[in-house]
Amino acid sequence: MKSFISAIALGAVFGLVSSCIGWGLAVLRKSMPGRRGFRRATGGFAALLAVVLLIGGTRAWLSGEVDYDRGVTAMDGHNYTEAAARFGAAAERGYAPGECAFASLLYQGAGVEKDLSKAFQWALKAAKQDHARCQWFAGLMYGRGEGTEIDREEGMRLICAAARQNFAYARVTLDMMKDGNAEFPEPVLVELSAAGYEAGFKALGKTLEDLPVPEQCAMPQ
């Protein structure tokens, strides 16, 4: 219900904006009564702009982008319960950033009851949309057997896919796992390690993207 009300409010805002633009163009038309072509053009432009704004707003809402943005705002204010609700709504609409953010909160139990199985399911959905962060996240969960059966091969495949998209945490993870028998690290450990990596690379005038992608991550021929 809240999302439906938000959609109505969003449509109203776009309608108001387009009406104001239309009013301004109407005033301009009256000041130039002799130019019929101009009057028709501005009238058509106002109508077209109203349609574009309405469609754009509706698409953003339907895609889950609006709820995701509100979730980010809630996170910035440390309101994890609201963030989880917003990210969850965005995830239900198939919006990959929302799916990944919701998976992270489910994994941590922040603003929502901790549930590794659901966290993995949402992370995997985002990963299947080529969302780099959740390719890495789902890869770690596969490798660690969190919320799913252990599958080291699939875990590495997903982490490699994220690394090829230049996702820094994925490249740090691969560097931490240089030994082929190394355990898959916890996500929070990778994030903490990345800070150290970043400081070292910065001193060399480089970034984490300069970390090489291992040969086993080469694209299949």
N, C-alpha and C. Protein backbone atom coordinates (compact mmCIF):
# COMPACT_ATOMS: atom_id res chain seq x y z
N MET A 1 0.83 -1.21 0.00
CA MET A 1 0.00 0.00 0.00
C MET A 1 0.86 1.26 0.00
N LYS A 2 1.95 1.24 0.85
CA LYS A 2 2.82 2.42 0.89
C LYS A 2 3.44 2.70 -0.46
N SER A 3 3.86 1.62 -1.16
CA SER A 3 4.49 1.80 -2.47
C SER A 3 3.48 2.36 -3.47
N PHE A 4 2.21 1.91 -3.37
CA PHE A 4 1.18 2.39 -4.28
C PHE A 4 0.94 3.88 -4.05
N ILE A 5 0.88 4.27 -2.76
CA ILE A 5 0.68 5.68 -2.43
C ILE A 5 1.86 6.50 -2.92
N SER A 6 3.08 5.93 -2.77
CA SER A 6 4.28 6.64 -3.24
C SER A 6 4.22 6.86 -4.74
N ALA A 7 3.70 5.88 -5.46
CA ALA A 7 3.60 6.00 -6.92
C ALA A 7 2.64 7.12 -7.30
N ILE A 8 1.52 7.20 -6.57
CA ILE A 8 0.54 8.25 -6.84
C ILE A 8 1.16 9.62 -6.58
N ALA A 9 1.89 9.71 -5.44
CA ALA A 9 2.52 10.98 -5.10
C ALA A 9 3.56 11.37 -6.14
N LEU A 10 4.32 10.38 -6.61
CA LEU A 10 5.34 10.64 -7.62
C LEU A 10 4.69 11.14 -8.91
N GLY A 11 3.60 10.50 -9.29
CA GLY A 11 2.90 10.93 -10.49
C GLY A 11 2.37 12.33 -10.35
N ALA A 12 1.90 12.66 -9.15
CA ALA A 12 1.36 14.00 -8.90
C ALA A 12 2.45 15.05 -9.04
N VAL A 13 3.65 14.73 -8.52
CA VAL A 13 4.77 15.67 -8.62
C VAL A 13 5.14 15.92 -10.07
N PHE A 14 5.25 14.83 -10.85
CA PHE A 14 5.59 14.98 -12.26
C PHE A 14 4.50 15.76 -12.99
N GLY A 15 3.25 15.51 -12.61
CA GLY A 15 2.14 16.23 -13.24
C GLY A 15 2.21 17.70 -12.94
N LEU A 16 2.55 18.05 -11.68
CA LEU A 16 2.66 19.44 -11.28
C LEU A 16 3.77 20.14 -12.04
N VAL A 17 4.92 19.46 -12.14
CA VAL A 17 6.06 20.05 -12.86
C VAL A 17 5.70 20.33 -14.31
N SER A 18 5.08 19.33 -14.95
CA SER A 18 4.73 19.50 -16.36
C SER A 18 3.67 20.59 -16.53
N SER A 19 2.76 20.71 -15.56
CA SER A 19 1.73 21.75 -15.63
C SER A 19 2.36 23.13 -15.55
N CYS A 20 3.35 23.28 -14.64
CA CYS A 20 4.03 24.56 -14.50
C CYS A 20 4.76 24.94 -15.78
N ILE A 21 5.40 23.93 -16.38
CA ILE A 21 6.10 24.19 -17.65
C ILE A 21 5.09 24.59 -18.73
N GLY A 22 3.97 23.87 -18.75
CA GLY A 22 2.94 24.18 -19.73
C GLY A 22 2.38 25.57 -19.54
N TRP A 23 2.18 25.97 -18.27
CA TRP A 23 1.68 27.32 -17.99
C TRP A 23 2.66 28.37 -18.48
N GLY A 24 3.97 28.14 -18.22
CA GLY A 24 4.97 29.11 -18.66
C GLY A 24 4.99 29.24 -20.17
N LEU A 25 4.86 28.10 -20.86
CA LEU A 25 4.85 28.14 -22.32
C LEU A 25 3.58 28.82 -22.84
N ALA A 26 2.47 28.65 -22.12
CA ALA A 26 1.22 29.28 -22.53
C ALA A 26 1.33 30.80 -22.45
N VAL A 27 1.96 31.26 -21.36
CA VAL A 27 2.17 32.70 -21.21
C VAL A 27 3.02 33.23 -22.34
N LEU A 28 4.05 32.45 -22.68
CA LEU A 28 4.93 32.86 -23.77
C LEU A 28 4.18 32.89 -25.09
N ARG A 29 3.28 31.94 -25.30
CA ARG A 29 2.50 31.90 -26.55
C ARG A 29 1.62 33.14 -26.67
N LYS A 30 0.98 33.53 -25.56
CA LYS A 30 0.07 34.68 -25.59
C LYS A 30 0.82 35.97 -25.90
N SER A 31 2.09 35.99 -25.50
CA SER A 31 2.87 37.19 -25.77
C SER A 31 3.29 37.28 -27.22
N MET A 32 3.09 36.21 -27.96
CA MET A 32 3.45 36.17 -29.37
C MET A 32 2.28 35.59 -30.17
N PRO A 33 1.12 36.26 -30.18
CA PRO A 33 -0.09 35.73 -30.82
C PRO A 33 0.01 35.53 -32.32
N GLY A 34 0.93 36.19 -32.94
CA GLY A 34 0.99 36.10 -34.39
C GLY A 34 1.73 34.89 -34.90
N ARG A 35 2.31 34.14 -34.02
CA ARG A 35 3.13 33.01 -34.48
C ARG A 35 2.41 31.71 -34.14
N ARG A 36 1.52 31.33 -35.05
CA ARG A 36 0.72 30.12 -34.82
C ARG A 36 1.59 28.87 -34.74
N GLY A 37 2.61 28.81 -35.58
CA GLY A 37 3.48 27.65 -35.57
C GLY A 37 4.16 27.48 -34.23
N PHE A 38 4.55 28.61 -33.66
CA PHE A 38 5.22 28.55 -32.36
C PHE A 38 4.25 28.07 -31.29
N ARG A 39 3.01 28.58 -31.36
CA ARG A 39 2.00 28.20 -30.37
C ARG A 39 1.73 26.70 -30.43
N ARG A 40 1.61 26.17 -31.64
CA ARG A 40 1.36 24.73 -31.78
C ARG A 40 2.55 23.91 -31.27
N ALA A 41 3.74 24.37 -31.59
CA ALA A 41 4.94 23.64 -31.21
C ALA A 41 5.09 23.58 -29.70
N THR A 42 4.87 24.74 -29.04
CA THR A 42 5.03 24.77 -27.58
C THR A 42 3.94 23.95 -26.90
N GLY A 43 2.74 23.98 -27.46
CA GLY A 43 1.66 23.18 -26.89
C GLY A 43 1.97 21.70 -27.00
N GLY A 44 2.46 21.29 -28.15
CA GLY A 44 2.82 19.88 -28.34
C GLY A 44 3.99 19.48 -27.47
N PHE A 45 4.93 20.40 -27.32
CA PHE A 45 6.09 20.12 -26.49
C PHE A 45 5.69 19.90 -25.03
N ALA A 46 4.79 20.75 -24.54
CA ALA A 46 4.33 20.63 -23.14
C ALA A 46 3.65 19.28 -22.92
N ALA A 47 2.82 18.87 -23.87
CA ALA A 47 2.11 17.60 -23.73
C ALA A 47 3.09 16.43 -23.77
N LEU A 48 4.05 16.51 -24.70
CA LEU A 48 5.04 15.44 -24.83
C LEU A 48 5.90 15.34 -23.57
N LEU A 49 6.28 16.50 -23.02
CA LEU A 49 7.11 16.51 -21.82
C LEU A 49 6.36 15.90 -20.65
N ALA A 50 5.08 16.18 -20.55
CA ALA A 50 4.27 15.62 -19.47
C ALA A 50 4.24 14.10 -19.56
N VAL A 51 4.09 13.59 -20.77
CA VAL A 51 4.06 12.13 -20.97
C VAL A 51 5.40 11.51 -20.62
N VAL A 52 6.50 12.15 -21.06
CA VAL A 52 7.84 11.63 -20.79
C VAL A 52 8.11 11.58 -19.29
N LEU A 53 7.75 12.66 -18.60
CA LEU A 53 7.97 12.70 -17.15
C LEU A 53 7.17 11.64 -16.43
N LEU A 54 5.92 11.46 -16.85
CA LEU A 54 5.06 10.48 -16.21
C LEU A 54 5.58 9.06 -16.45
N ILE A 55 5.97 8.78 -17.69
CA ILE A 55 6.49 7.45 -18.02
C ILE A 55 7.79 7.18 -17.26
N GLY A 56 8.67 8.20 -17.23
CA GLY A 56 9.95 8.05 -16.53
C GLY A 56 9.74 7.76 -15.05
N GLY A 57 8.84 8.49 -14.43
CA GLY A 57 8.57 8.28 -13.01
C GLY A 57 7.96 6.92 -12.75
N THR A 58 7.03 6.51 -13.62
CA THR A 58 6.39 5.21 -13.45
C THR A 58 7.39 4.08 -13.60
N ARG A 59 8.27 4.19 -14.58
CA ARG A 59 9.29 3.15 -14.79
C ARG A 59 10.22 3.03 -13.60
N ALA A 60 10.62 4.20 -13.06
CA ALA A 60 11.53 4.18 -11.90
C ALA A 60 10.87 3.48 -10.73
N TRP A 61 9.57 3.76 -10.53
CA TRP A 61 8.86 3.13 -9.42
C TRP A 61 8.70 1.64 -9.65
N LEU A 62 8.26 1.26 -10.85
CA LEU A 62 8.03 -0.15 -11.15
C LEU A 62 9.31 -0.96 -11.09
N SER A 63 10.43 -0.36 -11.45
CA SER A 63 11.70 -1.09 -11.46
C SER A 63 12.25 -1.32 -10.06
N GLY A 64 11.76 -0.58 -9.09
CA GLY A 64 12.27 -0.70 -7.73
C GLY A 64 13.33 0.34 -7.41
N GLU A 65 13.66 1.18 -8.39
CA GLU A 65 14.72 2.17 -8.19
C GLU A 65 14.36 3.16 -7.09
N VAL A 66 13.09 3.56 -7.05
CA VAL A 66 12.65 4.52 -6.04
C VAL A 66 12.83 3.95 -4.63
N ASP A 67 12.36 2.70 -4.43
CA ASP A 67 12.49 2.07 -3.12
C ASP A 67 13.96 1.88 -2.76
N TYR A 68 14.77 1.52 -3.75
CA TYR A 68 16.20 1.32 -3.49
C TYR A 68 16.84 2.63 -3.00
N ASP A 69 16.55 3.73 -3.70
CA ASP A 69 17.12 5.03 -3.31
C ASP A 69 16.70 5.41 -1.90
N ARG A 70 15.45 5.10 -1.55
CA ARG A 70 14.98 5.41 -0.20
C ARG A 70 15.65 4.50 0.82
N GLY A 71 15.96 3.29 0.40
CA GLY A 71 16.69 2.38 1.27
C GLY A 71 18.09 2.90 1.57
N VAL A 72 18.74 3.45 0.55
CA VAL A 72 20.08 4.02 0.73
C VAL A 72 20.02 5.19 1.71
N THR A 73 18.98 6.03 1.55
CA THR A 73 18.81 7.17 2.46
C THR A 73 18.62 6.68 3.89
N ALA A 74 17.82 5.63 4.06
CA ALA A 74 17.59 5.07 5.39
C ALA A 74 18.89 4.51 5.97
N MET A 75 19.70 3.87 5.14
CA MET A 75 20.99 3.34 5.60
C MET A 75 21.90 4.47 6.06
N ASP A 76 21.91 5.56 5.32
CA ASP A 76 22.72 6.71 5.69
C ASP A 76 22.31 7.24 7.06
N GLY A 77 21.02 7.10 7.39
CA GLY A 77 20.52 7.56 8.68
C GLY A 77 20.53 6.46 9.73
N HIS A 78 21.16 5.33 9.42
CA HIS A 78 21.27 4.17 10.32
C HIS A 78 19.90 3.61 10.72
N ASN A 79 18.91 3.80 9.86
CA ASN A 79 17.58 3.23 10.09
C ASN A 79 17.51 1.92 9.32
N TYR A 80 18.04 0.86 9.90
CA TYR A 80 18.18 -0.40 9.19
C TYR A 80 16.85 -1.11 8.94
N THR A 81 15.90 -0.89 9.84
CA THR A 81 14.59 -1.51 9.64
C THR A 81 13.91 -0.95 8.40
N GLU A 82 13.95 0.37 8.27
CA GLU A 82 13.36 1.02 7.09
C GLU A 82 14.15 0.63 5.84
N ALA A 83 15.47 0.57 5.96
CA ALA A 83 16.31 0.21 4.81
C ALA A 83 15.97 -1.20 4.34
N ALA A 84 15.80 -2.13 5.28
CA ALA A 84 15.48 -3.51 4.91
C ALA A 84 14.13 -3.57 4.20
N ALA A 85 13.17 -2.79 4.69
CA ALA A 85 11.84 -2.78 4.07
C ALA A 85 11.92 -2.24 2.64
N ARG A 86 12.69 -1.18 2.45
CA ARG A 86 12.81 -0.56 1.13
C ARG A 86 13.59 -1.44 0.17
N PHE A 87 14.70 -1.99 0.64
CA PHE A 87 15.49 -2.86 -0.23
C PHE A 87 14.70 -4.12 -0.57
N GLY A 88 13.92 -4.61 0.40
CA GLY A 88 13.10 -5.78 0.15
C GLY A 88 12.07 -5.52 -0.93
N ALA A 89 11.45 -4.32 -0.88
CA ALA A 89 10.46 -3.96 -1.89
C ALA A 89 11.11 -3.85 -3.27
N ALA A 90 12.30 -3.28 -3.32
CA ALA A 90 13.03 -3.15 -4.60
C ALA A 90 13.41 -4.54 -5.11
N ALA A 91 13.80 -5.42 -4.19
CA ALA A 91 14.18 -6.78 -4.58
C ALA A 91 13.00 -7.53 -5.17
N GLU A 92 11.82 -7.35 -4.58
CA GLU A 92 10.62 -8.03 -5.07
C GLU A 92 10.30 -7.64 -6.50
N ARG A 93 10.75 -6.46 -6.92
CA ARG A 93 10.51 -6.00 -8.29
C ARG A 93 11.65 -6.40 -9.22
N GLY A 94 12.59 -7.18 -8.71
CA GLY A 94 13.67 -7.68 -9.57
C GLY A 94 14.77 -6.68 -9.82
N TYR A 95 14.88 -5.64 -8.98
CA TYR A 95 15.92 -4.62 -9.16
C TYR A 95 17.21 -5.13 -8.52
N ALA A 96 18.21 -5.43 -9.33
CA ALA A 96 19.43 -6.09 -8.86
C ALA A 96 20.12 -5.38 -7.69
N PRO A 97 20.31 -4.05 -7.72
CA PRO A 97 20.94 -3.40 -6.56
C PRO A 97 20.13 -3.60 -5.28
N GLY A 98 18.78 -3.62 -5.41
CA GLY A 98 17.94 -3.87 -4.25
C GLY A 98 18.08 -5.29 -3.76
N GLU A 99 18.14 -6.24 -4.69
CA GLU A 99 18.32 -7.65 -4.32
C GLU A 99 19.63 -7.84 -3.55
N CYS A 100 20.68 -7.20 -4.03
CA CYS A 100 21.99 -7.37 -3.41
C CYS A 100 22.04 -6.71 -2.03
N ALA A 101 21.47 -5.52 -1.93
CA ALA A 101 21.46 -4.81 -0.65
C ALA A 101 20.62 -5.57 0.37
N PHE A 102 19.50 -6.11 -0.06
CA PHE A 102 18.62 -6.87 0.84
C PHE A 102 19.33 -8.14 1.29
N ALA A 103 20.05 -8.79 0.38
CA ALA A 103 20.80 -9.99 0.71
C ALA A 103 21.84 -9.70 1.80
N SER A 104 22.49 -8.55 1.69
CA SER A 104 23.51 -8.17 2.66
C SER A 104 22.91 -7.98 4.06
N LEU A 105 21.74 -7.34 4.12
CA LEU A 105 21.10 -7.11 5.42
C LEU A 105 20.60 -8.43 6.01
N LEU A 106 20.10 -9.32 5.17
CA LEU A 106 19.67 -10.64 5.64
C LEU A 106 20.86 -11.43 6.18
N TYR A 107 21.98 -11.30 5.53
CA TYR A 107 23.20 -12.00 5.94
C TYR A 107 23.67 -11.51 7.31
N GLN A 108 23.57 -10.19 7.51
CA GLN A 108 24.03 -9.60 8.76
C GLN A 108 22.97 -9.63 9.87
N GLY A 109 21.70 -9.76 9.45
CA GLY A 109 20.63 -9.67 10.43
C GLY A 109 20.43 -8.23 10.86
N ALA A 110 20.64 -7.29 9.94
CA ALA A 110 20.51 -5.86 10.23
C ALA A 110 19.16 -5.35 9.72
N GLY A 111 18.28 -4.96 10.65
CA GLY A 111 16.98 -4.44 10.26
C GLY A 111 15.99 -5.52 9.87
N VAL A 112 16.43 -6.75 9.89
CA VAL A 112 15.59 -7.89 9.51
C VAL A 112 16.19 -9.14 10.16
N GLU A 113 15.39 -10.15 10.37
CA GLU A 113 15.90 -11.36 11.00
C GLU A 113 16.95 -12.02 10.11
N LYS A 114 18.04 -12.45 10.71
CA LYS A 114 19.13 -13.07 9.96
C LYS A 114 18.65 -14.38 9.33
N ASP A 115 18.93 -14.53 8.05
CA ASP A 115 18.49 -15.73 7.33
C ASP A 115 19.47 -15.97 6.18
N LEU A 116 20.44 -16.85 6.39
CA LEU A 116 21.47 -17.09 5.38
C LEU A 116 20.91 -17.70 4.10
N SER A 117 19.90 -18.54 4.24
CA SER A 117 19.30 -19.16 3.06
C SER A 117 18.67 -18.11 2.15
N LYS A 118 17.89 -17.20 2.74
CA LYS A 118 17.26 -16.13 1.94
C LYS A 118 18.31 -15.17 1.42
N ALA A 119 19.33 -14.91 2.23
CA ALA A 119 20.40 -14.01 1.79
C ALA A 119 21.06 -14.57 0.54
N PHE A 120 21.33 -15.86 0.55
CA PHE A 120 21.96 -16.49 -0.61
C PHE A 120 21.04 -16.43 -1.83
N GLN A 121 19.76 -16.71 -1.63
CA GLN A 121 18.81 -16.71 -2.75
C GLN A 121 18.75 -15.34 -3.43
N TRP A 122 18.69 -14.28 -2.62
CA TRP A 122 18.63 -12.93 -3.21
C TRP A 122 19.96 -12.54 -3.84
N ALA A 123 21.05 -12.93 -3.20
CA ALA A 123 22.37 -12.63 -3.76
C ALA A 123 22.54 -13.30 -5.11
N LEU A 124 22.08 -14.54 -5.21
CA LEU A 124 22.21 -15.28 -6.46
C LEU A 124 21.35 -14.66 -7.56
N LYS A 125 20.17 -14.17 -7.21
CA LYS A 125 19.32 -13.52 -8.20
C LYS A 125 20.01 -12.28 -8.77
N ALA A 126 20.64 -11.50 -7.89
CA ALA A 126 21.36 -10.32 -8.37
C ALA A 126 22.58 -10.73 -9.19
N ALA A 127 23.26 -11.78 -8.76
CA ALA A 127 24.45 -12.26 -9.49
C ALA A 127 24.08 -12.67 -10.90
N LYS A 128 22.91 -13.28 -11.05
CA LYS A 128 22.47 -13.72 -12.38
C LYS A 128 22.15 -12.55 -13.29
N GLN A 129 22.03 -11.34 -12.71
CA GLN A 129 21.84 -10.13 -13.51
C GLN A 129 23.17 -9.40 -13.70
N ASP A 130 24.27 -10.12 -13.44
CA ASP A 130 25.63 -9.58 -13.60
C ASP A 130 25.93 -8.43 -12.65
N HIS A 131 25.30 -8.44 -11.48
CA HIS A 131 25.62 -7.45 -10.46
C HIS A 131 26.93 -7.88 -9.80
N ALA A 132 28.00 -7.12 -10.03
CA ALA A 132 29.34 -7.54 -9.63
C ALA A 132 29.47 -7.81 -8.14
N ARG A 133 28.95 -6.92 -7.31
CA ARG A 133 29.09 -7.12 -5.87
C ARG A 133 28.44 -8.43 -5.43
N CYS A 134 27.28 -8.75 -5.99
CA CYS A 134 26.61 -9.96 -5.57
C CYS A 134 27.15 -11.20 -6.27
N GLN A 135 27.85 -11.04 -7.36
CA GLN A 135 28.59 -12.17 -7.92
C GLN A 135 29.67 -12.58 -6.92
N TRP A 136 30.36 -11.58 -6.40
CA TRP A 136 31.39 -11.82 -5.39
C TRP A 136 30.78 -12.39 -4.11
N PHE A 137 29.68 -11.79 -3.66
CA PHE A 137 29.04 -12.17 -2.40
C PHE A 137 28.48 -13.60 -2.48
N ALA A 138 27.75 -13.89 -3.56
CA ALA A 138 27.20 -15.23 -3.74
C ALA A 138 28.32 -16.25 -3.91
N GLY A 139 29.42 -15.82 -4.55
CA GLY A 139 30.57 -16.71 -4.73
C GLY A 139 31.17 -17.12 -3.39
N LEU A 140 31.30 -16.16 -2.49
CA LEU A 140 31.83 -16.46 -1.16
C LEU A 140 30.88 -17.38 -0.40
N MET A 141 29.58 -17.14 -0.53
CA MET A 141 28.61 -17.98 0.17
C MET A 141 28.64 -19.41 -0.36
N TYR A 142 28.82 -19.55 -1.67
CA TYR A 142 28.98 -20.89 -2.26
C TYR A 142 30.22 -21.57 -1.68
N GLY A 143 31.33 -20.84 -1.68
CA GLY A 143 32.59 -21.41 -1.22
C GLY A 143 32.59 -21.75 0.25
N ARG A 144 31.84 -21.00 1.04
CA ARG A 144 31.79 -21.22 2.49
C ARG A 144 30.61 -22.11 2.90
N GLY A 145 29.72 -22.38 1.96
CA GLY A 145 28.56 -23.19 2.30
C GLY A 145 27.60 -22.47 3.22
N GLU A 146 27.45 -21.18 3.03
CA GLU A 146 26.55 -20.38 3.86
C GLU A 146 25.23 -20.18 3.13
N GLY A 147 24.17 -20.77 3.66
CA GLY A 147 22.86 -20.63 3.04
C GLY A 147 22.67 -21.55 1.85
N THR A 148 23.68 -22.36 1.56
CA THR A 148 23.61 -23.28 0.42
C THR A 148 24.66 -24.37 0.61
N GLU A 149 24.63 -25.40 -0.25
CA GLU A 149 25.65 -26.43 -0.22
C GLU A 149 26.98 -25.87 -0.72
N ILE A 150 28.07 -26.35 -0.17
CA ILE A 150 29.40 -25.90 -0.62
C ILE A 150 29.62 -26.28 -2.08
N ASP A 151 30.06 -25.29 -2.87
CA ASP A 151 30.39 -25.53 -4.27
C ASP A 151 31.55 -24.59 -4.60
N ARG A 152 32.76 -25.05 -4.35
CA ARG A 152 33.94 -24.21 -4.54
C ARG A 152 34.11 -23.78 -6.00
N GLU A 153 33.82 -24.69 -6.91
CA GLU A 153 33.98 -24.38 -8.34
C GLU A 153 33.05 -23.24 -8.76
N GLU A 154 31.78 -23.33 -8.37
CA GLU A 154 30.83 -22.28 -8.74
C GLU A 154 31.16 -21.00 -8.00
N GLY A 155 31.65 -21.14 -6.77
CA GLY A 155 32.04 -19.96 -6.01
C GLY A 155 33.15 -19.20 -6.70
N MET A 156 34.17 -19.92 -7.17
CA MET A 156 35.28 -19.27 -7.87
C MET A 156 34.81 -18.68 -9.19
N ARG A 157 33.90 -19.37 -9.86
CA ARG A 157 33.41 -18.86 -11.15
C ARG A 157 32.75 -17.50 -10.96
N LEU A 158 31.94 -17.37 -9.92
CA LEU A 158 31.24 -16.11 -9.67
C LEU A 158 32.20 -15.00 -9.23
N ILE A 159 33.14 -15.36 -8.37
CA ILE A 159 34.11 -14.35 -7.92
C ILE A 159 34.97 -13.88 -9.09
N CYS A 160 35.34 -14.81 -9.97
CA CYS A 160 36.10 -14.44 -11.17
C CYS A 160 35.29 -13.51 -12.07
N ALA A 161 33.99 -13.78 -12.18
CA ALA A 161 33.13 -12.94 -13.01
C ALA A 161 33.11 -11.51 -12.47
N ALA A 162 33.07 -11.38 -11.13
CA ALA A 162 33.08 -10.06 -10.51
C ALA A 162 34.43 -9.38 -10.71
N ALA A 163 35.51 -10.16 -10.63
CA ALA A 163 36.85 -9.60 -10.82
C ALA A 163 37.03 -9.07 -12.23
N ARG A 164 36.45 -9.77 -13.19
CA ARG A 164 36.56 -9.31 -14.59
C ARG A 164 35.78 -8.02 -14.80
N GLN A 165 34.84 -7.73 -13.89
CA GLN A 165 34.11 -6.46 -13.96
C GLN A 165 34.82 -5.38 -13.13
N ASN A 166 36.06 -5.68 -12.71
CA ASN A 166 36.88 -4.76 -11.93
C ASN A 166 36.31 -4.47 -10.54
N PHE A 167 35.54 -5.42 -9.98
CA PHE A 167 35.05 -5.23 -8.62
C PHE A 167 36.21 -5.50 -7.67
N ALA A 168 36.60 -4.46 -6.93
CA ALA A 168 37.83 -4.50 -6.13
C ALA A 168 37.84 -5.64 -5.11
N TYR A 169 36.72 -5.84 -4.39
CA TYR A 169 36.69 -6.89 -3.36
C TYR A 169 36.93 -8.27 -3.96
N ALA A 170 36.47 -8.47 -5.18
CA ALA A 170 36.68 -9.77 -5.84
C ALA A 170 38.16 -9.98 -6.12
N ARG A 171 38.84 -8.94 -6.57
CA ARG A 171 40.27 -9.07 -6.86
C ARG A 171 41.08 -9.25 -5.58
N VAL A 172 40.66 -8.57 -4.51
CA VAL A 172 41.33 -8.76 -3.22
C VAL A 172 41.13 -10.20 -2.74
N THR A 173 39.92 -10.71 -2.90
CA THR A 173 39.61 -12.09 -2.49
C THR A 173 40.51 -13.08 -3.21
N LEU A 174 40.63 -12.90 -4.51
CA LEU A 174 41.46 -13.82 -5.31
C LEU A 174 42.93 -13.75 -4.90
N ASP A 175 43.38 -12.54 -4.55
CA ASP A 175 44.76 -12.39 -4.12
C ASP A 175 44.97 -13.06 -2.75
N MET A 176 43.95 -12.99 -1.90
CA MET A 176 44.00 -13.64 -0.59
C MET A 176 43.99 -15.16 -0.72
N MET A 177 43.46 -15.64 -1.85
CA MET A 177 43.32 -17.09 -2.06
C MET A 177 44.32 -17.61 -3.10
N LYS A 178 45.49 -17.02 -3.15
CA LYS A 178 46.49 -17.44 -4.14
C LYS A 178 46.77 -18.93 -4.06
N ASP A 179 46.78 -19.43 -2.84
CA ASP A 179 46.94 -20.87 -2.66
C ASP A 179 45.64 -21.54 -3.07
N GLY A 180 45.69 -22.44 -4.02
CA GLY A 180 44.48 -23.07 -4.53
C GLY A 180 43.64 -23.78 -3.49
N ASN A 181 44.26 -24.14 -2.36
CA ASN A 181 43.52 -24.84 -1.31
C ASN A 181 43.06 -23.90 -0.19
N ALA A 182 43.26 -22.60 -0.40
CA ALA A 182 42.89 -21.62 0.63
C ALA A 182 41.39 -21.61 0.86
N GLU A 183 41.01 -21.34 2.09
CA GLU A 183 39.60 -21.26 2.43
C GLU A 183 39.02 -19.95 1.88
N PHE A 184 37.75 -19.98 1.57
CA PHE A 184 37.06 -18.77 1.14
C PHE A 184 36.91 -17.88 2.38
N PRO A 185 37.38 -16.63 2.31
CA PRO A 185 37.32 -15.75 3.49
C PRO A 185 35.91 -15.21 3.75
N GLU A 186 35.69 -14.76 4.97
CA GLU A 186 34.42 -14.12 5.29
C GLU A 186 34.35 -12.78 4.55
N PRO A 187 33.15 -12.37 4.11
CA PRO A 187 33.02 -11.09 3.41
C PRO A 187 33.58 -9.91 4.19
N VAL A 188 33.32 -9.87 5.51
CA VAL A 188 33.80 -8.74 6.30
C VAL A 188 35.33 -8.72 6.37
N LEU A 189 35.96 -9.89 6.35
CA LEU A 189 37.42 -9.96 6.37
C LEU A 189 37.99 -9.41 5.07
N VAL A 190 37.32 -9.69 3.97
CA VAL A 190 37.76 -9.15 2.68
C VAL A 190 37.66 -7.63 2.69
N GLU A 191 36.56 -7.12 3.21
CA GLU A 191 36.36 -5.67 3.26
C GLU A 191 37.43 -5.00 4.10
N LEU A 192 37.77 -5.60 5.24
CA LEU A 192 38.82 -5.04 6.09
C LEU A 192 40.18 -5.12 5.41
N SER A 193 40.45 -6.23 4.75
CA SER A 193 41.73 -6.41 4.05
C SER A 193 41.86 -5.44 2.90
N ALA A 194 40.74 -5.16 2.24
CA ALA A 194 40.75 -4.25 1.09
C ALA A 194 41.26 -2.87 1.49
N ALA A 195 40.95 -2.45 2.73
CA ALA A 195 41.42 -1.15 3.19
C ALA A 195 42.94 -1.12 3.26
N GLY A 196 43.53 -2.23 3.74
CA GLY A 196 44.98 -2.31 3.79
C GLY A 196 45.60 -2.37 2.41
N TYR A 197 45.00 -3.16 1.54
CA TYR A 197 45.46 -3.24 0.16
C TYR A 197 45.44 -1.86 -0.49
N GLU A 198 44.32 -1.17 -0.28
CA GLU A 198 44.14 0.14 -0.92
C GLU A 198 45.20 1.13 -0.48
N ALA A 199 45.52 1.13 0.82
CA ALA A 199 46.54 2.04 1.33
C ALA A 199 47.90 1.75 0.69
N GLY A 200 48.23 0.46 0.59
CA GLY A 200 49.50 0.09 -0.01
C GLY A 200 49.58 0.46 -1.48
N PHE A 201 48.50 0.21 -2.20
CA PHE A 201 48.50 0.53 -3.64
C PHE A 201 48.53 2.04 -3.86
N LYS A 202 47.86 2.78 -2.98
CA LYS A 202 47.83 4.24 -3.12
C LYS A 202 49.23 4.81 -2.99
N ALA A 203 50.03 4.23 -2.10
CA ALA A 203 51.41 4.68 -1.92
C ALA A 203 52.24 4.46 -3.18
N LEU A 204 51.80 3.49 -3.97
CA LEU A 204 52.51 3.19 -5.23
C LEU A 204 51.88 3.92 -6.42
N GLY A 205 50.86 4.73 -6.13
CA GLY A 205 50.20 5.45 -7.21
C GLY A 205 49.28 4.57 -8.03
N LYS A 206 48.78 3.50 -7.40
CA LYS A 206 47.91 2.57 -8.10
C LYS A 206 46.58 2.42 -7.36
N THR A 207 45.67 1.64 -7.93
CA THR A 207 44.38 1.37 -7.30
C THR A 207 44.19 -0.14 -7.21
N LEU A 208 43.14 -0.55 -6.51
CA LEU A 208 42.88 -1.99 -6.37
C LEU A 208 42.58 -2.65 -7.71
N GLU A 209 42.18 -1.86 -8.68
CA GLU A 209 41.91 -2.42 -10.00
C GLU A 209 43.20 -2.90 -10.69
N ASP A 210 44.35 -2.48 -10.13
CA ASP A 210 45.63 -2.91 -10.69
C ASP A 210 45.99 -4.32 -10.23
N LEU A 211 45.23 -4.85 -9.26
CA LEU A 211 45.47 -6.24 -8.86
C LEU A 211 45.18 -7.13 -10.06
N PRO A 212 46.08 -8.02 -10.40
CA PRO A 212 45.87 -8.88 -11.57
C PRO A 212 44.77 -9.91 -11.35
N VAL A 213 44.11 -10.26 -12.43
CA VAL A 213 43.12 -11.33 -12.39
C VAL A 213 43.86 -12.63 -12.68
N PRO A 214 43.78 -13.63 -11.79
CA PRO A 214 44.50 -14.89 -11.98
C PRO A 214 44.15 -15.57 -13.31
N GLU A 215 45.06 -16.39 -13.77
CA GLU A 215 44.86 -17.08 -15.04
C GLU A 215 43.61 -17.96 -15.03
N GLN A 216 43.30 -18.54 -13.87
CA GLN A 216 42.12 -19.42 -13.82
C GLN A 216 40.82 -18.66 -14.02
N CYS A 217 40.92 -17.32 -13.99
CA CYS A 217 39.72 -16.50 -14.20
C CYS A 217 39.59 -16.03 -15.65
N ALA A 218 40.46 -16.51 -16.51
CA ALA A 218 40.39 -16.10 -17.92
C ALA A 218 39.07 -16.54 -18.50
N MET A 219 38.54 -15.72 -19.39
CA MET A 219 37.27 -16.06 -20.03
C MET A 219 37.41 -17.35 -20.80
N PRO A 220 36.44 -18.24 -20.70
CA PRO A 220 36.50 -19.50 -21.47
C PRO A 220 36.48 -19.22 -22.95
N GLN A 221 37.28 -19.98 -23.68
CA GLN A 221 37.38 -19.77 -25.13
C GLN A 221 36.17 -20.37 -25.85
